[in-house]
């Protein structure tokens, strides 16, 4: 059974610095001990450090 990735799926990356510079609305957020990139206008840039 193949899984399909939708726009709201989150990338898991070792480093988020390069992802943050990809769009001007990207925000670096710390929640529950994890570091996230969120973007309210372009949802496809969601990412989590891990």
PDB file of N, CA and C in Angstrom:
ATOM      1  N   UNK A   1       0.836  -1.170   0.000  1.00  0.00           N
ATOM      2  CA  UNK A   1       0.000   0.000   0.000  1.00  0.00           C
ATOM      3  C   UNK A   1       0.887   1.242   0.000  1.00  0.00           C
ATOM      4  N   UNK A   2       0.784   2.038  -1.020  1.00  0.00           N
ATOM      5  CA  UNK A   2       1.623   3.228  -1.150  1.00  0.00           C
ATOM      6  C   UNK A   2       0.974   4.399  -0.430  1.00  0.00           C
ATOM      7  N   UNK A   3       1.817   5.161   0.228  1.00  0.00           N
ATOM      8  CA  UNK A   3       1.318   6.350   0.900  1.00  0.00           C
ATOM      9  C   UNK A   3       1.557   7.562   0.015  1.00  0.00           C
ATOM     10  N   UNK A   4       0.600   8.444  -0.029  1.00  0.00           N
ATOM     11  CA  UNK A   4       0.749   9.655  -0.832  1.00  0.00           C
ATOM     12  C   UNK A   4       1.028  10.823   0.090  1.00  0.00           C
ATOM     13  N   UNK A   5       1.933  11.691  -0.313  1.00  0.00           N
ATOM     14  CA  UNK A   5       2.271  12.875   0.480  1.00  0.00           C
ATOM     15  C   UNK A   5       1.383  14.023   0.058  1.00  0.00           C
ATOM     16  N   UNK A   6       0.714  14.605   1.018  1.00  0.00           N
ATOM     17  CA  UNK A   6      -0.088  15.783   0.732  1.00  0.00           C
ATOM     18  C   UNK A   6       0.722  17.032   1.052  1.00  0.00           C
ATOM     19  N   UNK A   7       0.161  18.185   0.784  1.00  0.00           N
ATOM     20  CA  UNK A   7       0.862  19.444   1.001  1.00  0.00           C
ATOM     21  C   UNK A   7       1.107  19.676   2.486  1.00  0.00           C
ATOM     22  N   UNK A   8       0.255  19.127   3.341  1.00  0.00           N
ATOM     23  CA  UNK A   8       0.364  19.398   4.769  1.00  0.00           C
ATOM     24  C   UNK A   8       1.343  18.478   5.475  1.00  0.00           C
ATOM     25  N   UNK A   9       1.968  17.516   4.769  1.00  0.00           N
ATOM     26  CA  UNK A   9       2.955  16.656   5.406  1.00  0.00           C
ATOM     27  C   UNK A   9       4.170  17.469   5.828  1.00  0.00           C
ATOM     28  N   UNK A  10       4.848  16.994   6.843  1.00  0.00           N
ATOM     29  CA  UNK A  10       5.956  17.738   7.423  1.00  0.00           C
ATOM     30  C   UNK A  10       7.273  17.040   7.100  1.00  0.00           C
ATOM     31  N   UNK A  11       8.254  17.814   6.667  1.00  0.00           N
ATOM     32  CA  UNK A  11       9.581  17.274   6.433  1.00  0.00           C
ATOM     33  C   UNK A  11      10.316  17.195   7.764  1.00  0.00           C
ATOM     34  N   UNK A  12      11.125  16.163   7.926  1.00  0.00           N
ATOM     35  CA  UNK A  12      11.961  16.022   9.113  1.00  0.00           C
ATOM     36  C   UNK A  12      13.399  16.155   8.656  1.00  0.00           C
ATOM     37  N   UNK A  13      14.087  17.171   9.158  1.00  0.00           N
ATOM     38  CA  UNK A  13      15.437  17.482   8.693  1.00  0.00           C
ATOM     39  C   UNK A  13      16.384  17.626   9.870  1.00  0.00           C
ATOM     40  N   UNK A  14      17.686  17.432   9.602  1.00  0.00           N
ATOM     41  CA  UNK A  14      18.699  17.628  10.645  1.00  0.00           C
ATOM     42  C   UNK A  14      18.924  19.107  10.908  1.00  0.00           C
ATOM     43  N   UNK A  15      18.895  19.902   9.850  1.00  0.00           N
ATOM     44  CA  UNK A  15      19.155  21.328   9.993  1.00  0.00           C
ATOM     45  C   UNK A  15      18.041  22.108   9.309  1.00  0.00           C
ATOM     46  N   UNK A  16      17.538  23.137   9.988  1.00  0.00           N
ATOM     47  CA  UNK A  16      16.420  23.912   9.450  1.00  0.00           C
ATOM     48  C   UNK A  16      16.849  25.267   8.919  1.00  0.00           C
ATOM     49  N   UNK A  17      18.130  25.612   9.046  1.00  0.00           N
ATOM     50  CA  UNK A  17      18.571  26.945   8.654  1.00  0.00           C
ATOM     51  C   UNK A  17      18.357  27.187   7.164  1.00  0.00           C
ATOM     52  N   UNK A  18      18.645  26.195   6.327  1.00  0.00           N
ATOM     53  CA  UNK A  18      18.465  26.373   4.882  1.00  0.00           C
ATOM     54  C   UNK A  18      16.986  26.425   4.507  1.00  0.00           C
ATOM     55  N   UNK A  19      16.155  25.674   5.228  1.00  0.00           N
ATOM     56  CA  UNK A  19      14.719  25.690   4.928  1.00  0.00           C
ATOM     57  C   UNK A  19      14.073  27.012   5.310  1.00  0.00           C
ATOM     58  N   UNK A  20      14.601  27.641   6.341  1.00  0.00           N
ATOM     59  CA  UNK A  20      14.010  28.902   6.809  1.00  0.00           C
ATOM     60  C   UNK A  20      14.175  30.005   5.780  1.00  0.00           C
ATOM     61  N   UNK A  21      15.246  29.979   5.034  1.00  0.00           N
ATOM     62  CA  UNK A  21      15.517  31.039   4.066  1.00  0.00           C
ATOM     63  C   UNK A  21      14.811  30.833   2.737  1.00  0.00           C
ATOM     64  N   UNK A  22      14.045  29.786   2.601  1.00  0.00           N
ATOM     65  CA  UNK A  22      13.392  29.508   1.322  1.00  0.00           C
ATOM     66  C   UNK A  22      12.189  30.397   1.042  1.00  0.00           C
ATOM     67  N   UNK A  23      11.565  30.925   2.102  1.00  0.00           N
ATOM     68  CA  UNK A  23      10.382  31.773   1.925  1.00  0.00           C
ATOM     69  C   UNK A  23      10.401  32.846   2.993  1.00  0.00           C
ATOM     70  N   UNK A  24       9.927  34.030   2.666  1.00  0.00           N
ATOM     71  CA  UNK A  24      10.031  35.148   3.611  1.00  0.00           C
ATOM     72  C   UNK A  24       9.070  35.026   4.785  1.00  0.00           C
ATOM     73  N   UNK A  25       8.033  34.202   4.681  1.00  0.00           N
ATOM     74  CA  UNK A  25       7.076  34.038   5.783  1.00  0.00           C
ATOM     75  C   UNK A  25       7.405  32.868   6.706  1.00  0.00           C
ATOM     76  N   UNK A  26       8.505  32.163   6.462  1.00  0.00           N
ATOM     77  CA  UNK A  26       8.867  31.047   7.341  1.00  0.00           C
ATOM     78  C   UNK A  26       9.226  31.553   8.724  1.00  0.00           C
ATOM     79  N   UNK A  27       8.734  30.857   9.744  1.00  0.00           N
ATOM     80  CA  UNK A  27       9.008  31.217  11.124  1.00  0.00           C
ATOM     81  C   UNK A  27       9.632  30.027  11.835  1.00  0.00           C
ATOM     82  N   UNK A  28      10.633  30.309  12.664  1.00  0.00           N
ATOM     83  CA  UNK A  28      11.253  29.285  13.488  1.00  0.00           C
ATOM     84  C   UNK A  28      10.558  29.274  14.836  1.00  0.00           C
ATOM     85  N   UNK A  29      10.004  28.137  15.244  1.00  0.00           N
ATOM     86  CA  UNK A  29       9.198  28.037  16.457  1.00  0.00           C
ATOM     87  C   UNK A  29       9.692  26.853  17.280  1.00  0.00           C
ATOM     88  N   UNK A  30       9.793  27.047  18.592  1.00  0.00           N
ATOM     89  CA  UNK A  30      10.145  25.952  19.496  1.00  0.00           C
ATOM     90  C   UNK A  30       8.898  25.547  20.274  1.00  0.00           C
ATOM     91  N   UNK A  31       8.537  24.270  20.160  1.00  0.00           N
ATOM     92  CA  UNK A  31       7.368  23.753  20.865  1.00  0.00           C
ATOM     93  C   UNK A  31       7.700  22.385  21.447  1.00  0.00           C
ATOM     94  N   UNK A  32       7.479  22.214  22.724  1.00  0.00           N
ATOM     95  CA  UNK A  32       7.649  20.931  23.408  1.00  0.00           C
ATOM     96  C   UNK A  32       9.021  20.326  23.162  1.00  0.00           C
ATOM     97  N   UNK A  33      10.050  21.166  23.180  1.00  0.00           N
ATOM     98  CA  UNK A  33      11.404  20.680  23.013  1.00  0.00           C
ATOM     99  C   UNK A  33      11.823  20.391  21.586  1.00  0.00           C
ATOM    100  N   UNK A  34      10.978  20.659  20.623  1.00  0.00           N
ATOM    101  CA  UNK A  34      11.306  20.439  19.224  1.00  0.00           C
ATOM    102  C   UNK A  34      11.314  21.774  18.489  1.00  0.00           C
ATOM    103  N   UNK A  35      12.040  21.805  17.384  1.00  0.00           N
ATOM    104  CA  UNK A  35      12.167  23.027  16.601  1.00  0.00           C
ATOM    105  C   UNK A  35      11.392  22.822  15.305  1.00  0.00           C
ATOM    106  N   UNK A  36      10.534  23.785  14.972  1.00  0.00           N
ATOM    107  CA  UNK A  36       9.681  23.686  13.799  1.00  0.00           C
ATOM    108  C   UNK A  36       9.864  24.899  12.896  1.00  0.00           C
ATOM    109  N   UNK A  37       9.648  24.694  11.607  1.00  0.00           N
ATOM    110  CA  UNK A  37       9.478  25.783  10.654  1.00  0.00           C
ATOM    111  C   UNK A  37       8.010  25.778  10.273  1.00  0.00           C
ATOM    112  N   UNK A  38       7.336  26.903  10.470  1.00  0.00           N
ATOM    113  CA  UNK A  38       5.932  27.005  10.069  1.00  0.00           C
ATOM    114  C   UNK A  38       5.776  28.177   9.119  1.00  0.00           C
ATOM    115  N   UNK A  39       4.765  28.092   8.284  1.00  0.00           N
ATOM    116  CA  UNK A  39       4.495  29.145   7.319  1.00  0.00           C
ATOM    117  C   UNK A  39       2.988  29.222   7.147  1.00  0.00           C
ATOM    118  N   UNK A  40       2.416  30.359   7.488  1.00  0.00           N
ATOM    119  CA  UNK A  40       0.961  30.511   7.435  1.00  0.00           C
ATOM    120  C   UNK A  40       0.442  30.680   6.009  1.00  0.00           C
ATOM    121  N   UNK A  41       1.268  31.170   5.084  1.00  0.00           N
ATOM    122  CA  UNK A  41       0.796  31.428   3.725  1.00  0.00           C
ATOM    123  C   UNK A  41       1.085  30.275   2.776  1.00  0.00           C
ATOM    124  N   UNK A  42       2.259  29.653   2.906  1.00  0.00           N
ATOM    125  CA  UNK A  42       2.621  28.512   2.060  1.00  0.00           C
ATOM    126  C   UNK A  42       2.824  27.301   2.967  1.00  0.00           C
ATOM    127  N   UNK A  43       1.792  26.484   3.108  1.00  0.00           N
ATOM    128  CA  UNK A  43       1.822  25.380   4.062  1.00  0.00           C
ATOM    129  C   UNK A  43       2.849  24.316   3.708  1.00  0.00           C
ATOM    130  N   UNK A  44       3.326  24.278   2.483  1.00  0.00           N
ATOM    131  CA  UNK A  44       4.243  23.208   2.069  1.00  0.00           C
ATOM    132  C   UNK A  44       5.619  23.346   2.691  1.00  0.00           C
ATOM    133  N   UNK A  45       5.924  24.448   3.362  1.00  0.00           N
ATOM    134  CA  UNK A  45       7.234  24.645   3.954  1.00  0.00           C
ATOM    135  C   UNK A  45       7.323  24.170   5.392  1.00  0.00           C
ATOM    136  N   UNK A  46       6.301  23.444   5.878  1.00  0.00           N
ATOM    137  CA  UNK A  46       6.350  22.938   7.243  1.00  0.00           C
ATOM    138  C   UNK A  46       7.493  21.944   7.408  1.00  0.00           C
ATOM    139  N   UNK A  47       8.234  22.048   8.506  1.00  0.00           N
ATOM    140  CA  UNK A  47       9.326  21.125   8.770  1.00  0.00           C
ATOM    141  C   UNK A  47       9.576  21.027  10.273  1.00  0.00           C
ATOM    142  N   UNK A  48      10.201  19.915  10.648  1.00  0.00           N
ATOM    143  CA  UNK A  48      10.535  19.675  12.042  1.00  0.00           C
ATOM    144  C   UNK A  48      11.984  19.213  12.104  1.00  0.00           C
ATOM    145  N   UNK A  49      12.709  19.687  13.116  1.00  0.00           N
ATOM    146  CA  UNK A  49      14.079  19.216  13.273  1.00  0.00           C
ATOM    147  C   UNK A  49      14.095  17.916  14.036  1.00  0.00           C
ATOM    148  N   UNK A  50      14.853  16.949  13.556  1.00  0.00           N
ATOM    149  CA  UNK A  50      14.889  15.676  14.222  1.00  0.00           C
ATOM    150  C   UNK A  50      15.867  14.777  13.586  1.00  0.00           C
TER     151      UNK A  50
END
